[in-house]
Amino acid sequence: MAARAGERAERADESGSDRRREVLEGLAEIINEVTGVPVEEVRMGADFLTDLDIDSLSMVEVAVAAEEQFGLSIPDESLMGLRTVRDAVDFIVKKRSQSVS
């Protein structure tokens, strides 16, 4: 029962806002291009290292591509704090909204 609730929460989170969905889809494509991880495995709750097997070097490549695609900067200290796809999506959405304000 708890697993179902978690799945529903994840689906709701993934479909919550258009911006978040757009960022998740773009990030999934980047991760696929850089690491070969299938797009469908890139979910909000996925941990970059343990679930997606993305090491620090590949993570830097993902970050550089995300900076280019989303038109923002991801400082090294911020990159080190991004452990899950959700962390990255939240960071990108927040940075994009700050640059529009």
C-alpha atoms as a PDB file:
ATOM      1  CA  MET A   1       0.000   0.000   0.000  1.00  0.00           C
ATOM      2  CA  ALA A   2       2.824   2.424   0.855  1.00  0.00           C
ATOM      3  CA  ALA A   3       4.506   1.584  -2.450  1.00  0.00           C
ATOM      4  CA  ARG A   4       1.335   2.503  -4.330  1.00  0.00           C
ATOM      5  CA  ALA A   5       1.100   5.803  -2.477  1.00  0.00           C
ATOM      6  CA  GLY A   6       4.724   6.515  -3.369  1.00  0.00           C
ATOM      7  CA  GLU A   7       4.090   5.680  -7.020  1.00  0.00           C
ATOM      8  CA  ARG A   8       1.050   7.976  -7.088  1.00  0.00           C
ATOM      9  CA  ALA A   9       3.027  10.778  -5.450  1.00  0.00           C
ATOM     10  CA  GLU A  10       5.830  10.359  -7.975  1.00  0.00           C
ATOM     11  CA  ARG A  11       3.419  10.399 -10.915  1.00  0.00           C
ATOM     12  CA  ALA A  12       1.666  13.475  -9.523  1.00  0.00           C
ATOM     13  CA  ASP A  13       5.034  15.146  -8.992  1.00  0.00           C
ATOM     14  CA  GLU A  14       6.132  14.334 -12.537  1.00  0.00           C
ATOM     15  CA  SER A  15       2.934  15.659 -14.051  1.00  0.00           C
ATOM     16  CA  GLY A  16       2.468  18.547 -11.596  1.00  0.00           C
ATOM     17  CA  SER A  17       3.518  21.546 -13.609  1.00  0.00           C
ATOM     18  CA  ASP A  18       4.327  22.084 -17.226  1.00  0.00           C
ATOM     19  CA  ARG A  19       7.695  23.610 -16.320  1.00  0.00           C
ATOM     20  CA  ARG A  20       8.714  20.671 -14.170  1.00  0.00           C
ATOM     21  CA  ARG A  21       7.578  18.202 -16.833  1.00  0.00           C
ATOM     22  CA  GLU A  22       9.473  20.116 -19.521  1.00  0.00           C
ATOM     23  CA  VAL A  23      12.636  20.155 -17.401  1.00  0.00           C
ATOM     24  CA  LEU A  24      12.290  16.460 -16.507  1.00  0.00           C
ATOM     25  CA  GLU A  25      11.879  15.510 -20.173  1.00  0.00           C
ATOM     26  CA  GLY A  26      14.830  17.663 -21.243  1.00  0.00           C
ATOM     27  CA  LEU A  27      17.002  16.311 -18.456  1.00  0.00           C
ATOM     28  CA  ALA A  28      16.042  12.727 -19.326  1.00  0.00           C
ATOM     29  CA  GLU A  29      17.121  13.313 -22.930  1.00  0.00           C
ATOM     30  CA  ILE A  30      20.422  14.823 -21.796  1.00  0.00           C
ATOM     31  CA  ILE A  31      21.088  11.921 -19.430  1.00  0.00           C
ATOM     32  CA  ASN A  32      20.294   9.465 -22.211  1.00  0.00           C
ATOM     33  CA  GLU A  33      22.666  11.202 -24.635  1.00  0.00           C
ATOM     34  CA  VAL A  34      25.513  11.482 -22.122  1.00  0.00           C
ATOM     35  CA  THR A  35      25.214   8.144 -20.326  1.00  0.00           C
ATOM     36  CA  GLY A  36      22.950   5.890 -22.380  1.00  0.00           C
ATOM     37  CA  VAL A  37      20.448   5.519 -19.518  1.00  0.00           C
ATOM     38  CA  PRO A  38      17.017   4.964 -21.093  1.00  0.00           C
ATOM     39  CA  VAL A  39      14.769   8.032 -20.895  1.00  0.00           C
ATOM     40  CA  GLU A  40      12.011   6.073 -19.147  1.00  0.00           C
ATOM     41  CA  GLU A  41      14.357   5.254 -16.233  1.00  0.00           C
ATOM     42  CA  VAL A  42      14.918   8.939 -15.465  1.00  0.00           C
ATOM     43  CA  ARG A  43      12.214   9.525 -12.841  1.00  0.00           C
ATOM     44  CA  MET A  44      11.914  12.223 -10.218  1.00  0.00           C
ATOM     45  CA  GLY A  45      12.881   9.927  -7.335  1.00  0.00           C
ATOM     46  CA  ALA A  46      15.875   8.356  -9.095  1.00  0.00           C
ATOM     47  CA  ASP A  47      19.248   8.822  -7.427  1.00  0.00           C
ATOM     48  CA  PHE A  48      21.940   9.727  -9.950  1.00  0.00           C
ATOM     49  CA  LEU A  49      24.553   7.380  -8.495  1.00  0.00           C
ATOM     50  CA  THR A  50      22.650   4.421  -7.072  1.00  0.00           C
ATOM     51  CA  ASP A  51      19.683   4.225  -9.466  1.00  0.00           C
ATOM     52  CA  LEU A  52      21.098   5.622 -12.706  1.00  0.00           C
ATOM     53  CA  ASP A  53      24.791   4.724 -12.174  1.00  0.00           C
ATOM     54  CA  ILE A  54      25.929   8.231 -13.131  1.00  0.00           C
ATOM     55  CA  ASP A  55      29.424   8.937 -11.794  1.00  0.00           C
ATOM     56  CA  SER A  56      30.832  12.375 -11.028  1.00  0.00           C
ATOM     57  CA  LEU A  57      32.493  12.793 -14.438  1.00  0.00           C
ATOM     58  CA  SER A  58      29.278  11.947 -16.291  1.00  0.00           C
ATOM     59  CA  MET A  59      27.378  14.236 -13.927  1.00  0.00           C
ATOM     60  CA  VAL A  60      29.615  17.136 -14.961  1.00  0.00           C
ATOM     61  CA  GLU A  61      28.836  16.348 -18.615  1.00  0.00           C
ATOM     62  CA  VAL A  62      25.107  16.264 -17.798  1.00  0.00           C
ATOM     63  CA  ALA A  63      25.417  19.604 -16.000  1.00  0.00           C
ATOM     64  CA  VAL A  64      27.239  21.277 -18.907  1.00  0.00           C
ATOM     65  CA  ALA A  65      24.591  20.070 -21.359  1.00  0.00           C
ATOM     66  CA  ALA A  66      21.811  21.194 -18.983  1.00  0.00           C
ATOM     67  CA  GLU A  67      23.410  24.633 -18.680  1.00  0.00           C
ATOM     68  CA  GLU A  68      23.377  24.961 -22.460  1.00  0.00           C
ATOM     69  CA  GLN A  69      19.865  23.606 -22.944  1.00  0.00           C
ATOM     70  CA  PHE A  70      18.214  25.553 -20.124  1.00  0.00           C
ATOM     71  CA  GLY A  71      20.310  28.728 -20.362  1.00  0.00           C
ATOM     72  CA  LEU A  72      21.610  28.808 -16.803  1.00  0.00           C
ATOM     73  CA  SER A  73      24.707  28.243 -14.723  1.00  0.00           C
ATOM     74  CA  ILE A  74      25.154  25.362 -12.287  1.00  0.00           C
ATOM     75  CA  PRO A  75      27.988  26.220  -9.889  1.00  0.00           C
ATOM     76  CA  ASP A  76      30.189  23.327  -8.728  1.00  0.00           C
ATOM     77  CA  GLU A  77      28.977  23.644  -5.133  1.00  0.00           C
ATOM     78  CA  SER A  78      25.351  23.370  -6.305  1.00  0.00           C
ATOM     79  CA  LEU A  79      26.165  20.416  -8.563  1.00  0.00           C
ATOM     80  CA  MET A  80      27.588  18.492  -5.612  1.00  0.00           C
ATOM     81  CA  GLY A  81      24.233  18.846  -3.821  1.00  0.00           C
ATOM     82  CA  LEU A  82      22.175  17.386  -6.671  1.00  0.00           C
ATOM     83  CA  ARG A  83      21.742  13.741  -5.668  1.00  0.00           C
ATOM     84  CA  THR A  84      18.411  12.930  -7.301  1.00  0.00           C
ATOM     85  CA  VAL A  85      16.642  13.825 -10.512  1.00  0.00           C
ATOM     86  CA  ARG A  86      14.117  15.727  -8.354  1.00  0.00           C
ATOM     87  CA  ASP A  87      16.963  17.822  -6.888  1.00  0.00           C
ATOM     88  CA  ALA A  88      18.141  18.718 -10.391  1.00  0.00           C
ATOM     89  CA  VAL A  89      14.635  19.496 -11.689  1.00  0.00           C
ATOM     90  CA  ASP A  90      13.901  21.685  -8.652  1.00  0.00           C
ATOM     91  CA  PHE A  91      17.226  23.497  -9.068  1.00  0.00           C
ATOM     92  CA  ILE A  92      16.683  24.162 -12.775  1.00  0.00           C
ATOM     93  CA  VAL A  93      13.066  25.299 -12.328  1.00  0.00           C
ATOM     94  CA  LYS A  94      14.104  27.648  -9.505  1.00  0.00           C
ATOM     95  CA  LYS A  95      17.044  29.097 -11.467  1.00  0.00           C
ATOM     96  CA  ARG A  96      14.892  29.629 -14.558  1.00  0.00           C
ATOM     97  CA  SER A  97      12.179  31.390 -12.551  1.00  0.00           C
ATOM     98  CA  GLN A  98      14.800  33.646 -10.913  1.00  0.00           C
ATOM     99  CA  SER A  99      16.192  34.693 -14.275  1.00  0.00           C
ATOM    100  CA  VAL A 100      12.702  35.588 -15.532  1.00  0.00           C
ATOM    101  CA  SER A 101      11.875  37.688 -12.442  1.00  0.00           C
END
